C-alpha atoms as a PDB file:
ATOM      1  CA  MET A   1     -18.659   0.873   2.692  1.00  0.00           C
ATOM      2  CA  LYS A   2     -17.549  -1.793   4.882  1.00  0.00           C
ATOM      3  CA  SER A   3     -14.960  -1.076   7.831  1.00  0.00           C
ATOM      4  CA  ARG A   4     -14.976   2.629   5.892  1.00  0.00           C
ATOM      5  CA  ARG A   5     -14.150   0.432   2.745  1.00  0.00           C
ATOM      6  CA  GLU A   6     -15.761   0.802  -0.909  1.00  0.00           C
ATOM      7  CA  HIS A   7     -17.739  -2.144  -1.538  1.00  0.00           C
ATOM      8  CA  ARG A   8     -19.059  -3.272  -4.412  1.00  0.00           C
ATOM      9  CA  VAL A   9     -21.093  -6.191  -5.692  1.00  0.00           C
ATOM     10  CA  PRO A  10     -22.264  -6.884  -9.459  1.00  0.00           C
ATOM     11  CA  LEU A  11     -26.190  -7.230  -9.556  1.00  0.00           C
ATOM     12  CA  SER A  12     -28.217  -8.968 -12.174  1.00  0.00           C
ATOM     13  CA  PRO A  13     -30.853  -6.850 -14.138  1.00  0.00           C
ATOM     14  CA  ARG A  14     -33.511  -8.387 -12.026  1.00  0.00           C
ATOM     15  CA  ALA A  15     -31.997  -7.014  -8.494  1.00  0.00           C
ATOM     16  CA  VAL A  16     -31.077  -3.980 -10.045  1.00  0.00           C
ATOM     17  CA  GLU A  17     -35.053  -3.591 -10.959  1.00  0.00           C
ATOM     18  CA  LEU A  18     -36.304  -4.844  -7.627  1.00  0.00           C
ATOM     19  CA  LEU A  19     -33.597  -2.284  -5.532  1.00  0.00           C
ATOM     20  CA  SER A  20     -35.207   0.838  -7.969  1.00  0.00           C
ATOM     21  CA  GLY A  21     -38.607   0.543  -6.268  1.00  0.00           C
ATOM     22  CA  LEU A  22     -37.022   1.528  -2.902  1.00  0.00           C
ATOM     23  CA  TYR A  23     -37.530   4.515  -1.302  1.00  0.00           C
ATOM     24  CA  ARG A  24     -34.696   6.682  -2.166  1.00  0.00           C
ATOM     25  CA  GLU A  25     -33.929  10.251  -0.129  1.00  0.00           C
ATOM     26  CA  ASP A  26     -31.980  13.169  -2.547  1.00  0.00           C
ATOM     27  CA  GLY A  27     -28.028  12.911  -1.720  1.00  0.00           C
ATOM     28  CA  ASN A  28     -27.862   9.344  -0.232  1.00  0.00           C
ATOM     29  CA  SER A  29     -25.826   7.107  -1.835  1.00  0.00           C
ATOM     30  CA  HIS A  30     -26.948   4.046   0.303  1.00  0.00           C
ATOM     31  CA  VAL A  31     -28.995   1.052  -0.997  1.00  0.00           C
ATOM     32  CA  PHE A  32     -31.001   1.077   2.445  1.00  0.00           C
ATOM     33  CA  VAL A  33     -31.490   4.435   3.845  1.00  0.00           C
ATOM     34  CA  GLY A  34     -31.147   4.572   7.559  1.00  0.00           C
ATOM     35  CA  ALA A  35     -33.192   7.268  10.007  1.00  0.00           C
ATOM     36  CA  ARG A  36     -30.504   9.720   9.889  1.00  0.00           C
ATOM     37  CA  THR A  37     -30.432  11.879   6.997  1.00  0.00           C
ATOM     38  CA  ARG A  38     -28.064  10.793   4.305  1.00  0.00           C
ATOM     39  CA  ALA A  39     -27.205   7.484   6.324  1.00  0.00           C
ATOM     40  CA  GLY A  40     -27.432   4.008   5.519  1.00  0.00           C
ATOM     41  CA  LEU A  41     -29.054   1.305   8.001  1.00  0.00           C
ATOM     42  CA  GLY A  42     -26.619   1.425  11.403  1.00  0.00           C
ATOM     43  CA  ASN A  43     -24.957  -1.618  12.419  1.00  0.00           C
ATOM     44  CA  MET A  44     -27.949  -2.699  14.981  1.00  0.00           C
ATOM     45  CA  ALA A  45     -30.638  -2.793  12.269  1.00  0.00           C
ATOM     46  CA  MET A  46     -30.591  -6.393  11.656  1.00  0.00           C
ATOM     47  CA  PRO A  47     -30.430  -7.339  15.613  1.00  0.00           C
ATOM     48  CA  ASP A  48     -32.983  -4.815  16.135  1.00  0.00           C
ATOM     49  CA  VAL A  49     -35.621  -6.364  13.405  1.00  0.00           C
ATOM     50  CA  LEU A  50     -35.044  -9.395  14.552  1.00  0.00           C
ATOM     51  CA  GLN A  51     -35.765  -8.572  18.476  1.00  0.00           C
ATOM     52  CA  GLN A  52     -38.840  -6.876  16.613  1.00  0.00           C
ATOM     53  CA  MET A  53     -39.895 -10.289  15.512  1.00  0.00           C
ATOM     54  CA  GLU A  54     -39.051 -11.864  18.652  1.00  0.00           C
ATOM     55  CA  GLN A  55     -36.480 -14.298  16.857  1.00  0.00           C
ATOM     56  CA  SER A  56     -34.413 -15.228  19.657  1.00  0.00           C
ATOM     57  CA  ASP A  57     -32.707 -18.472  17.923  1.00  0.00           C
ATOM     58  CA  VAL A  58     -31.505 -16.348  14.626  1.00  0.00           C
ATOM     59  CA  THR A  59     -28.575 -14.298  14.686  1.00  0.00           C
ATOM     60  CA  VAL A  60     -27.067 -11.583  12.142  1.00  0.00           C
ATOM     61  CA  HIS A  61     -24.128 -13.997  11.976  1.00  0.00           C
ATOM     62  CA  GLY A  62     -26.304 -16.987  10.937  1.00  0.00           C
ATOM     63  CA  PHE A  63     -27.592 -14.899   7.794  1.00  0.00           C
ATOM     64  CA  ARG A  64     -24.084 -14.276   6.720  1.00  0.00           C
ATOM     65  CA  SER A  65     -23.244 -18.110   7.120  1.00  0.00           C
ATOM     66  CA  THR A  66     -26.532 -19.163   5.249  1.00  0.00           C
ATOM     67  CA  PHE A  67     -25.351 -16.841   2.355  1.00  0.00           C
ATOM     68  CA  ARG A  68     -21.608 -18.093   2.278  1.00  0.00           C
ATOM     69  CA  ASP A  69     -22.784 -22.229   2.786  1.00  0.00           C
ATOM     70  CA  TRP A  70     -25.993 -21.333  -0.223  1.00  0.00           C
ATOM     71  CA  ALA A  71     -23.388 -19.974  -2.483  1.00  0.00           C
ATOM     72  CA  ALA A  72     -21.107 -23.054  -1.790  1.00  0.00           C
ATOM     73  CA  GLU A  73     -23.977 -25.281  -2.711  1.00  0.00           C
ATOM     74  CA  ALA A  74     -25.800 -23.379  -5.131  1.00  0.00           C
ATOM     75  CA  THR A  75     -23.491 -21.565  -7.087  1.00  0.00           C
ATOM     76  CA  PRO A  76     -20.657 -21.944  -9.421  1.00  0.00           C
ATOM     77  CA  TYR A  77     -18.668 -19.159  -7.939  1.00  0.00           C
ATOM     78  CA  PRO A  78     -14.953 -19.846  -6.346  1.00  0.00           C
ATOM     79  CA  ASN A  79     -14.652 -18.555  -2.354  1.00  0.00           C
ATOM     80  CA  HIS A  80     -12.821 -15.651  -3.197  1.00  0.00           C
ATOM     81  CA  VAL A  81     -15.954 -14.132  -5.640  1.00  0.00           C
ATOM     82  CA  VAL A  82     -18.553 -15.500  -2.498  1.00  0.00           C
ATOM     83  CA  GLU A  83     -16.548 -13.394   0.210  1.00  0.00           C
ATOM     84  CA  GLN A  84     -16.261 -10.464  -1.815  1.00  0.00           C
ATOM     85  CA  ALA A  85     -20.126 -10.130  -1.672  1.00  0.00           C
ATOM     86  CA  SER A  86     -19.956 -10.289   1.930  1.00  0.00           C
ATOM     87  CA  PRO A  87     -16.695  -8.942   3.248  1.00  0.00           C
ATOM     88  CA  THR A  88     -15.566  -9.324   6.391  1.00  0.00           C
ATOM     89  CA  LEU A  89     -12.136  -9.886   7.962  1.00  0.00           C
ATOM     90  CA  SER A  90     -10.373 -13.187   8.158  1.00  0.00           C
ATOM     91  CA  ALA A  91     -11.110 -15.326  11.398  1.00  0.00           C
ATOM     92  CA  THR A  92      -7.454 -15.497  11.254  1.00  0.00           C
ATOM     93  CA  ARG A  93      -7.315 -12.018  11.118  1.00  0.00           C
ATOM     94  CA  SER A  94      -3.970 -12.661   9.096  1.00  0.00           C
ATOM     95  CA  ARG A  95      -5.411 -11.539   6.199  1.00  0.00           C
ATOM     96  CA  PRO A  96      -6.652  -7.880   4.993  1.00  0.00           C
ATOM     97  CA  PRO A  97     -10.565  -7.109   4.705  1.00  0.00           C
ATOM     98  CA  ILE A  98     -11.849  -8.812   2.048  1.00  0.00           C
ATOM     99  CA  GLY A  99     -14.128  -6.503  -0.146  1.00  0.00           C
ATOM    100  CA  ALA A 100     -11.275  -4.231  -1.919  1.00  0.00           C
ATOM    101  CA  ALA A 101     -11.869  -5.141  -4.609  1.00  0.00           C
ATOM    102  CA  THR A 102     -14.153  -3.826  -7.342  1.00  0.00           C
ATOM    103  CA  PHE A 103     -16.210  -5.683 -10.310  1.00  0.00           C
ATOM    104  CA  SER A 104     -16.783  -4.118 -13.525  1.00  0.00           C
ATOM    105  CA  ARG A 105     -20.111  -6.553 -14.679  1.00  0.00           C
ATOM    106  CA  ALA A 106     -21.691  -9.407 -13.489  1.00  0.00           C
ATOM    107  CA  PRO A 107     -20.577 -12.771 -14.152  1.00  0.00           C
ATOM    108  CA  ALA A 108     -22.942 -14.884 -16.405  1.00  0.00           C
ATOM    109  CA  PRO A 109     -25.962 -15.932 -14.582  1.00  0.00           C
ATOM    110  CA  TYR A 110     -25.989 -19.763 -13.155  1.00  0.00           C
ATOM    111  CA  GLU A 111     -28.519 -22.418 -12.892  1.00  0.00           C
END
């Protein structure tokens, strides 16, 4: 869920394999299990990790920006597909939240 909207991202078989090794909590559908029962990570999880790592020169927004830059430079996917993988509101707020679409299968792998 992102802003109370369902958010799905297609995963490669290798990604599914890696994620299947994570701790699972019965009845919890979240990929990354939070501290509370049947909850996902809270909105402060990433900032807390950065603080514990004493990384004051890194921001959570930096992760999103880095992903966006990497996807533009290293993959053939168009903007709207990349935005689906990281749903946020448009900077102008003139568009609805990104991430409302569902992909039924992963696109062909890229080199």
